[in-house]
Amino acid sequence: MAAQYFGATIRRWIEYLAAIVIGNAIYYLSLVPHLPEALRHQGFLMDWGMGVDFLVCVAVYGVIRLGSVL
């Protein structure tokens, strides 16, 4: 049985980390220059940009999980 940390295996933690890093890279390097000002994340604030960034990271995580199943 694989070791678990906070209820998740090391592999799952690596998937989480990869989704966050890749998702943020996509958001900041590809999307931000083309988004309207209201959807750009302003540091240390809860705004619509943070929601868009979160959705990009969730989508990347979904692709990673789908890829591991196939």
N, C-alpha and C. Protein backbone atom coordinates (compact mmCIF):
# COMPACT_ATOMS: atom_id res chain seq x y z
N MET A 1 0.85 -1.18 0.00
CA MET A 1 0.00 0.00 0.00
C MET A 1 0.90 1.25 0.00
N ALA A 2 0.53 2.22 -0.80
CA ALA A 2 1.32 3.44 -0.93
C ALA A 2 1.14 4.33 0.31
N ALA A 3 2.20 5.03 0.66
CA ALA A 3 2.12 5.94 1.79
C ALA A 3 1.19 7.10 1.46
N GLN A 4 0.42 7.52 2.46
CA GLN A 4 -0.50 8.63 2.25
C GLN A 4 -0.15 9.78 3.16
N TYR A 5 -0.26 10.98 2.63
CA TYR A 5 -0.03 12.21 3.37
C TYR A 5 -1.27 13.07 3.23
N PHE A 6 -1.90 13.37 4.36
CA PHE A 6 -3.14 14.13 4.37
C PHE A 6 -4.20 13.48 3.48
N GLY A 7 -4.25 12.16 3.45
CA GLY A 7 -5.28 11.43 2.72
C GLY A 7 -5.02 11.24 1.24
N ALA A 8 -3.85 11.60 0.75
CA ALA A 8 -3.54 11.44 -0.67
C ALA A 8 -2.16 10.82 -0.83
N THR A 9 -1.99 10.08 -1.90
CA THR A 9 -0.70 9.45 -2.17
C THR A 9 0.27 10.48 -2.76
N ILE A 10 1.54 10.11 -2.79
CA ILE A 10 2.56 10.98 -3.36
C ILE A 10 2.24 11.28 -4.83
N ARG A 11 1.79 10.26 -5.56
CA ARG A 11 1.44 10.47 -6.98
C ARG A 11 0.35 11.53 -7.12
N ARG A 12 -0.66 11.48 -6.27
CA ARG A 12 -1.75 12.46 -6.34
C ARG A 12 -1.24 13.85 -6.02
N TRP A 13 -0.33 13.99 -5.02
CA TRP A 13 0.26 15.28 -4.69
C TRP A 13 1.04 15.84 -5.87
N ILE A 14 1.75 14.98 -6.58
CA ILE A 14 2.50 15.43 -7.77
C ILE A 14 1.54 15.89 -8.86
N GLU A 15 0.41 15.18 -9.01
CA GLU A 15 -0.60 15.61 -9.98
C GLU A 15 -1.16 16.97 -9.61
N TYR A 16 -1.44 17.18 -8.31
CA TYR A 16 -1.94 18.49 -7.86
C TYR A 16 -0.93 19.59 -8.18
N LEU A 17 0.32 19.35 -7.83
CA LEU A 17 1.37 20.35 -8.06
C LEU A 17 1.52 20.66 -9.55
N ALA A 18 1.53 19.62 -10.38
CA ALA A 18 1.66 19.82 -11.82
C ALA A 18 0.48 20.62 -12.36
N ALA A 19 -0.73 20.32 -11.90
CA ALA A 19 -1.91 21.05 -12.37
C ALA A 19 -1.84 22.52 -11.99
N ILE A 20 -1.36 22.82 -10.79
CA ILE A 20 -1.27 24.20 -10.36
C ILE A 20 -0.20 24.96 -11.14
N VAL A 21 0.96 24.36 -11.32
CA VAL A 21 2.05 25.03 -12.02
C VAL A 21 1.70 25.23 -13.50
N ILE A 22 1.22 24.18 -14.15
CA ILE A 22 0.87 24.28 -15.57
C ILE A 22 -0.32 25.22 -15.76
N GLY A 23 -1.33 25.11 -14.90
CA GLY A 23 -2.51 25.98 -15.00
C GLY A 23 -2.16 27.44 -14.83
N ASN A 24 -1.30 27.76 -13.86
CA ASN A 24 -0.89 29.15 -13.68
C ASN A 24 -0.04 29.64 -14.84
N ALA A 25 0.79 28.77 -15.39
CA ALA A 25 1.58 29.17 -16.56
C ALA A 25 0.66 29.49 -17.74
N ILE A 26 -0.34 28.66 -17.96
CA ILE A 26 -1.29 28.92 -19.05
C ILE A 26 -2.03 30.22 -18.80
N TYR A 27 -2.50 30.41 -17.57
CA TYR A 27 -3.27 31.62 -17.26
C TYR A 27 -2.43 32.88 -17.44
N TYR A 28 -1.26 32.93 -16.80
CA TYR A 28 -0.48 34.16 -16.80
C TYR A 28 0.23 34.41 -18.12
N LEU A 29 0.69 33.37 -18.80
CA LEU A 29 1.46 33.58 -20.02
C LEU A 29 0.60 33.63 -21.28
N SER A 30 -0.54 32.94 -21.28
CA SER A 30 -1.36 32.87 -22.49
C SER A 30 -2.65 33.67 -22.41
N LEU A 31 -3.32 33.62 -21.27
CA LEU A 31 -4.65 34.22 -21.20
C LEU A 31 -4.66 35.68 -20.75
N VAL A 32 -3.84 36.04 -19.79
CA VAL A 32 -3.90 37.38 -19.20
C VAL A 32 -3.75 38.49 -20.24
N PRO A 33 -2.85 38.40 -21.20
CA PRO A 33 -2.75 39.51 -22.17
C PRO A 33 -4.02 39.71 -23.00
N HIS A 34 -4.88 38.72 -23.08
CA HIS A 34 -6.06 38.80 -23.93
C HIS A 34 -7.36 38.99 -23.14
N LEU A 35 -7.29 38.92 -21.82
CA LEU A 35 -8.49 39.06 -20.99
C LEU A 35 -8.81 40.52 -20.73
N PRO A 36 -10.10 40.82 -20.56
CA PRO A 36 -10.45 42.19 -20.13
C PRO A 36 -9.94 42.43 -18.71
N GLU A 37 -9.81 43.66 -18.33
CA GLU A 37 -9.25 44.02 -17.02
C GLU A 37 -10.00 43.37 -15.86
N ALA A 38 -11.31 43.21 -16.00
CA ALA A 38 -12.11 42.64 -14.92
C ALA A 38 -11.76 41.17 -14.65
N LEU A 39 -11.24 40.45 -15.63
CA LEU A 39 -10.91 39.04 -15.46
C LEU A 39 -9.43 38.80 -15.22
N ARG A 40 -8.66 39.86 -15.01
CA ARG A 40 -7.24 39.72 -14.68
C ARG A 40 -7.08 39.71 -13.17
N HIS A 41 -6.31 38.78 -12.67
CA HIS A 41 -6.12 38.65 -11.23
C HIS A 41 -5.20 39.75 -10.71
N GLN A 42 -5.64 40.41 -9.66
CA GLN A 42 -4.83 41.42 -8.97
C GLN A 42 -4.29 40.76 -7.70
N GLY A 43 -3.01 40.84 -7.47
CA GLY A 43 -2.37 40.15 -6.36
C GLY A 43 -3.03 40.37 -5.01
N PHE A 44 -3.18 39.30 -4.24
CA PHE A 44 -3.69 39.32 -2.87
C PHE A 44 -5.11 39.83 -2.76
N LEU A 45 -5.91 39.71 -3.81
CA LEU A 45 -7.31 40.09 -3.78
C LEU A 45 -8.17 38.92 -4.25
N MET A 46 -9.37 38.82 -3.72
CA MET A 46 -10.34 37.86 -4.24
C MET A 46 -11.09 38.56 -5.37
N ASP A 47 -10.88 38.12 -6.59
CA ASP A 47 -11.52 38.76 -7.73
C ASP A 47 -11.87 37.71 -8.78
N TRP A 48 -12.46 38.15 -9.88
CA TRP A 48 -12.87 37.23 -10.94
C TRP A 48 -11.67 36.57 -11.59
N GLY A 49 -10.54 37.24 -11.62
CA GLY A 49 -9.33 36.67 -12.18
C GLY A 49 -8.88 35.43 -11.42
N MET A 50 -9.04 35.45 -10.11
CA MET A 50 -8.69 34.28 -9.31
C MET A 50 -9.60 33.11 -9.66
N GLY A 51 -10.86 33.41 -9.92
CA GLY A 51 -11.80 32.35 -10.32
C GLY A 51 -11.43 31.75 -11.67
N VAL A 52 -11.04 32.60 -12.61
CA VAL A 52 -10.63 32.11 -13.93
C VAL A 52 -9.36 31.27 -13.79
N ASP A 53 -8.41 31.73 -12.99
CA ASP A 53 -7.18 30.99 -12.76
C ASP A 53 -7.49 29.62 -12.15
N PHE A 54 -8.40 29.59 -11.18
CA PHE A 54 -8.81 28.34 -10.55
C PHE A 54 -9.42 27.39 -11.57
N LEU A 55 -10.28 27.90 -12.43
CA LEU A 55 -10.92 27.05 -13.45
C LEU A 55 -9.90 26.48 -14.43
N VAL A 56 -8.90 27.26 -14.79
CA VAL A 56 -7.84 26.76 -15.68
C VAL A 56 -7.08 25.63 -14.99
N CYS A 57 -6.75 25.81 -13.71
CA CYS A 57 -6.03 24.76 -12.98
C CYS A 57 -6.87 23.50 -12.84
N VAL A 58 -8.16 23.65 -12.59
CA VAL A 58 -9.06 22.48 -12.50
C VAL A 58 -9.14 21.77 -13.84
N ALA A 59 -9.20 22.52 -14.93
CA ALA A 59 -9.24 21.91 -16.25
C ALA A 59 -7.96 21.13 -16.54
N VAL A 60 -6.82 21.69 -16.17
CA VAL A 60 -5.54 21.00 -16.37
C VAL A 60 -5.51 19.73 -15.53
N TYR A 61 -6.00 19.80 -14.28
CA TYR A 61 -6.04 18.60 -13.43
C TYR A 61 -6.94 17.54 -14.06
N GLY A 62 -8.06 17.95 -14.63
CA GLY A 62 -8.95 17.01 -15.30
C GLY A 62 -8.27 16.33 -16.48
N VAL A 63 -7.49 17.07 -17.23
CA VAL A 63 -6.75 16.49 -18.36
C VAL A 63 -5.70 15.51 -17.86
N ILE A 64 -5.02 15.85 -16.76
CA ILE A 64 -4.02 14.95 -16.19
C ILE A 64 -4.68 13.66 -15.72
N ARG A 65 -5.78 13.75 -15.02
CA ARG A 65 -6.48 12.55 -14.53
C ARG A 65 -7.02 11.72 -15.70
N LEU A 66 -7.56 12.39 -16.70
CA LEU A 66 -8.06 11.68 -17.88
C LEU A 66 -6.92 10.95 -18.59
N GLY A 67 -5.78 11.62 -18.69
CA GLY A 67 -4.61 10.99 -19.32
C GLY A 67 -4.10 9.80 -18.54
N SER A 68 -4.22 9.83 -17.22
CA SER A 68 -3.73 8.69 -16.44
C SER A 68 -4.68 7.50 -16.53
N VAL A 69 -5.95 7.74 -16.83
CA VAL A 69 -6.92 6.65 -16.97
C VAL A 69 -6.77 5.98 -18.32
N LEU A 70 -6.48 6.77 -19.34
CA LEU A 70 -6.37 6.20 -20.69
C LEU A 70 -5.08 5.55 -20.83
